[in-house]
Amino acid sequence: MTSTLAEVEAAIMDALRAAREPVAESVLYERVRSRGVSVAPGAFMDVAERLATEGHVHVAFEHELPATPPPPFEARFYRVIE
């Protein structure tokens, strides 16, 4: 069963707060899934983008990573804004 958008949002925010540092997009996705949230990568990225647009999280792009994130993820790092 797929989780609701509110559950995905809450899991993203909880994972970022627990990390206390910027988290790579693909790593954040795995942390959200490890919390029992069932969400497709595209839906996850939509929720994360909305959180950024609304000013809840900050997104930074890292173009010189030593490794390439797995598709469909990009070199984006998220951190919570509080």
N, C-alpha and C. Protein backbone atom coordinates (compact mmCIF):
# COMPACT_ATOMS: atom_id res chain seq x y z
N MET A 1 0.84 -1.18 0.00
CA MET A 1 0.00 0.00 0.00
C MET A 1 0.89 1.25 0.00
N THR A 2 0.53 2.19 -0.82
CA THR A 2 1.29 3.43 -0.92
C THR A 2 0.92 4.37 0.22
N SER A 3 1.91 5.02 0.79
CA SER A 3 1.69 5.97 1.88
C SER A 3 1.08 7.25 1.34
N THR A 4 0.43 7.99 2.22
CA THR A 4 -0.15 9.27 1.82
C THR A 4 0.95 10.31 1.69
N LEU A 5 0.65 11.38 0.99
CA LEU A 5 1.62 12.47 0.82
C LEU A 5 2.00 13.06 2.18
N ALA A 6 1.04 13.14 3.09
CA ALA A 6 1.33 13.67 4.42
C ALA A 6 2.32 12.76 5.16
N GLU A 7 2.21 11.45 4.99
CA GLU A 7 3.14 10.51 5.63
C GLU A 7 4.53 10.65 5.02
N VAL A 8 4.59 10.83 3.71
CA VAL A 8 5.87 11.01 3.04
C VAL A 8 6.52 12.31 3.53
N GLU A 9 5.75 13.37 3.58
CA GLU A 9 6.26 14.66 4.05
C GLU A 9 6.79 14.56 5.46
N ALA A 10 6.03 13.94 6.34
CA ALA A 10 6.45 13.80 7.74
C ALA A 10 7.73 12.97 7.84
N ALA A 11 7.83 11.90 7.06
CA ALA A 11 9.02 11.05 7.09
C ALA A 11 10.24 11.80 6.58
N ILE A 12 10.07 12.60 5.54
CA ILE A 12 11.19 13.41 5.02
C ILE A 12 11.68 14.37 6.10
N MET A 13 10.76 15.09 6.70
CA MET A 13 11.15 16.06 7.72
C MET A 13 11.79 15.38 8.93
N ASP A 14 11.24 14.24 9.36
CA ASP A 14 11.81 13.50 10.49
C ASP A 14 13.22 13.01 10.18
N ALA A 15 13.41 12.48 8.96
CA ALA A 15 14.72 11.97 8.58
C ALA A 15 15.75 13.10 8.51
N LEU A 16 15.35 14.25 8.00
CA LEU A 16 16.27 15.38 7.93
C LEU A 16 16.61 15.92 9.31
N ARG A 17 15.62 15.99 10.18
CA ARG A 17 15.88 16.46 11.55
C ARG A 17 16.83 15.50 12.28
N ALA A 18 16.61 14.22 12.08
CA ALA A 18 17.46 13.22 12.74
C ALA A 18 18.89 13.28 12.22
N ALA A 19 19.06 13.60 10.95
CA ALA A 19 20.40 13.64 10.36
C ALA A 19 21.23 14.81 10.87
N ARG A 20 20.60 15.93 11.09
CA ARG A 20 21.29 17.15 11.55
C ARG A 20 22.38 17.62 10.60
N GLU A 21 22.27 17.23 9.34
CA GLU A 21 23.20 17.66 8.30
C GLU A 21 22.53 17.45 6.94
N PRO A 22 23.05 18.04 5.90
CA PRO A 22 22.48 17.81 4.57
C PRO A 22 22.53 16.33 4.19
N VAL A 23 21.48 15.88 3.53
CA VAL A 23 21.36 14.48 3.14
C VAL A 23 21.16 14.39 1.63
N ALA A 24 21.92 13.52 0.98
CA ALA A 24 21.78 13.31 -0.46
C ALA A 24 20.38 12.78 -0.77
N GLU A 25 19.85 13.19 -1.90
CA GLU A 25 18.49 12.83 -2.30
C GLU A 25 18.25 11.31 -2.27
N SER A 26 19.16 10.54 -2.85
CA SER A 26 18.96 9.09 -2.89
C SER A 26 19.05 8.48 -1.49
N VAL A 27 19.91 9.02 -0.66
CA VAL A 27 20.03 8.54 0.72
C VAL A 27 18.78 8.90 1.52
N LEU A 28 18.28 10.11 1.31
CA LEU A 28 17.05 10.54 1.99
C LEU A 28 15.89 9.63 1.60
N TYR A 29 15.80 9.28 0.33
CA TYR A 29 14.75 8.38 -0.13
C TYR A 29 14.82 7.04 0.61
N GLU A 30 16.02 6.50 0.73
CA GLU A 30 16.18 5.21 1.42
C GLU A 30 15.85 5.34 2.91
N ARG A 31 16.18 6.46 3.52
CA ARG A 31 15.85 6.67 4.94
C ARG A 31 14.35 6.78 5.13
N VAL A 32 13.67 7.43 4.20
CA VAL A 32 12.21 7.53 4.27
C VAL A 32 11.60 6.14 4.13
N ARG A 33 12.08 5.36 3.18
CA ARG A 33 11.56 4.00 2.97
C ARG A 33 11.85 3.11 4.19
N SER A 34 12.99 3.33 4.84
CA SER A 34 13.32 2.51 6.01
C SER A 34 12.41 2.81 7.20
N ARG A 35 11.70 3.92 7.12
CA ARG A 35 10.73 4.27 8.16
C ARG A 35 9.37 3.66 7.88
N GLY A 36 9.29 2.77 6.91
CA GLY A 36 8.04 2.08 6.60
C GLY A 36 7.13 2.83 5.64
N VAL A 37 7.65 3.87 5.02
CA VAL A 37 6.86 4.67 4.08
C VAL A 37 7.02 4.08 2.68
N SER A 38 5.90 3.76 2.07
CA SER A 38 5.90 3.20 0.72
C SER A 38 5.61 4.33 -0.27
N VAL A 39 6.64 4.69 -1.05
CA VAL A 39 6.50 5.79 -2.00
C VAL A 39 7.42 5.54 -3.19
N ALA A 40 6.92 5.83 -4.37
CA ALA A 40 7.73 5.71 -5.58
C ALA A 40 8.73 6.87 -5.62
N PRO A 41 9.87 6.67 -6.28
CA PRO A 41 10.87 7.75 -6.34
C PRO A 41 10.32 9.06 -6.90
N GLY A 42 9.50 9.00 -7.94
CA GLY A 42 8.95 10.23 -8.52
C GLY A 42 8.05 10.98 -7.55
N ALA A 43 7.21 10.25 -6.83
CA ALA A 43 6.32 10.88 -5.85
C ALA A 43 7.13 11.46 -4.70
N PHE A 44 8.18 10.74 -4.28
CA PHE A 44 9.06 11.24 -3.24
C PHE A 44 9.69 12.57 -3.66
N MET A 45 10.20 12.63 -4.89
CA MET A 45 10.85 13.85 -5.37
C MET A 45 9.85 14.99 -5.50
N ASP A 46 8.60 14.68 -5.85
CA ASP A 46 7.57 15.71 -5.93
C ASP A 46 7.31 16.33 -4.55
N VAL A 47 7.22 15.48 -3.53
CA VAL A 47 6.98 15.97 -2.17
C VAL A 47 8.19 16.78 -1.69
N ALA A 48 9.39 16.29 -1.95
CA ALA A 48 10.60 17.01 -1.53
C ALA A 48 10.68 18.37 -2.21
N GLU A 49 10.32 18.42 -3.49
CA GLU A 49 10.34 19.69 -4.22
C GLU A 49 9.32 20.67 -3.65
N ARG A 50 8.15 20.14 -3.30
CA ARG A 50 7.12 21.00 -2.70
C ARG A 50 7.59 21.56 -1.35
N LEU A 51 8.25 20.71 -0.55
CA LEU A 51 8.77 21.18 0.74
C LEU A 51 9.80 22.29 0.53
N ALA A 52 10.60 22.17 -0.51
CA ALA A 52 11.59 23.21 -0.82
C ALA A 52 10.90 24.49 -1.28
N THR A 53 9.91 24.35 -2.14
CA THR A 53 9.17 25.51 -2.66
C THR A 53 8.48 26.26 -1.53
N GLU A 54 7.97 25.52 -0.57
CA GLU A 54 7.26 26.15 0.56
C GLU A 54 8.21 26.65 1.64
N GLY A 55 9.52 26.44 1.47
CA GLY A 55 10.50 26.97 2.40
C GLY A 55 10.75 26.11 3.64
N HIS A 56 10.38 24.85 3.59
CA HIS A 56 10.61 23.96 4.74
C HIS A 56 11.98 23.30 4.69
N VAL A 57 12.50 23.11 3.48
CA VAL A 57 13.82 22.52 3.32
C VAL A 57 14.62 23.35 2.32
N HIS A 58 15.93 23.26 2.46
CA HIS A 58 16.84 23.92 1.52
C HIS A 58 17.46 22.83 0.65
N VAL A 59 17.60 23.12 -0.64
CA VAL A 59 18.19 22.17 -1.57
C VAL A 59 19.48 22.77 -2.13
N ALA A 60 20.54 22.01 -2.08
CA ALA A 60 21.82 22.41 -2.68
C ALA A 60 22.22 21.36 -3.70
N PHE A 61 22.80 21.82 -4.79
CA PHE A 61 23.25 20.92 -5.85
C PHE A 61 24.76 20.77 -5.74
N GLU A 62 25.23 19.55 -5.80
CA GLU A 62 26.66 19.26 -5.76
C GLU A 62 27.04 18.62 -7.08
N HIS A 63 27.73 19.37 -7.90
CA HIS A 63 28.05 18.90 -9.25
C HIS A 63 29.35 18.11 -9.33
N GLU A 64 30.12 18.09 -8.25
CA GLU A 64 31.41 17.42 -8.30
C GLU A 64 31.49 16.28 -7.28
N LEU A 65 30.47 15.46 -7.26
CA LEU A 65 30.48 14.29 -6.38
C LEU A 65 31.42 13.22 -6.93
N PRO A 66 32.04 12.46 -6.05
CA PRO A 66 32.92 11.39 -6.52
C PRO A 66 32.13 10.24 -7.16
N ALA A 67 30.85 10.12 -6.85
CA ALA A 67 30.00 9.06 -7.42
C ALA A 67 28.71 9.69 -7.94
N THR A 68 28.15 9.06 -8.95
CA THR A 68 26.90 9.53 -9.53
C THR A 68 25.73 8.87 -8.81
N PRO A 69 24.72 9.65 -8.39
CA PRO A 69 23.56 9.05 -7.73
C PRO A 69 22.82 8.12 -8.70
N PRO A 70 22.16 7.10 -8.17
CA PRO A 70 21.42 6.19 -9.04
C PRO A 70 20.19 6.89 -9.63
N PRO A 71 19.85 6.60 -10.88
CA PRO A 71 18.65 7.19 -11.49
C PRO A 71 17.42 6.79 -10.69
N PRO A 72 16.43 7.59 -10.55
CA PRO A 72 16.21 8.90 -11.18
C PRO A 72 16.73 10.06 -10.34
N PHE A 73 17.53 9.77 -9.31
CA PHE A 73 17.97 10.80 -8.40
C PHE A 73 19.09 11.64 -9.00
N GLU A 74 19.23 12.84 -8.46
CA GLU A 74 20.28 13.75 -8.91
C GLU A 74 21.16 14.13 -7.73
N ALA A 75 22.16 14.94 -7.99
CA ALA A 75 23.12 15.34 -6.96
C ALA A 75 22.56 16.49 -6.11
N ARG A 76 21.40 16.24 -5.52
CA ARG A 76 20.76 17.24 -4.66
C ARG A 76 20.92 16.81 -3.21
N PHE A 77 21.17 17.80 -2.35
CA PHE A 77 21.27 17.58 -0.92
C PHE A 77 20.22 18.42 -0.24
N TYR A 78 19.52 17.82 0.71
CA TYR A 78 18.43 18.49 1.42
C TYR A 78 18.83 18.70 2.87
N ARG A 79 18.40 19.83 3.42
CA ARG A 79 18.53 20.06 4.86
C ARG A 79 17.28 20.80 5.31
N VAL A 80 16.90 20.54 6.53
CA VAL A 80 15.69 21.15 7.07
C VAL A 80 15.98 22.61 7.44
N ILE A 81 15.00 23.45 7.25
CA ILE A 81 15.08 24.86 7.66
C ILE A 81 14.17 25.02 8.87
N GLU A 82 14.74 25.46 10.00
CA GLU A 82 13.92 25.66 11.19
C GLU A 82 14.23 26.97 11.83
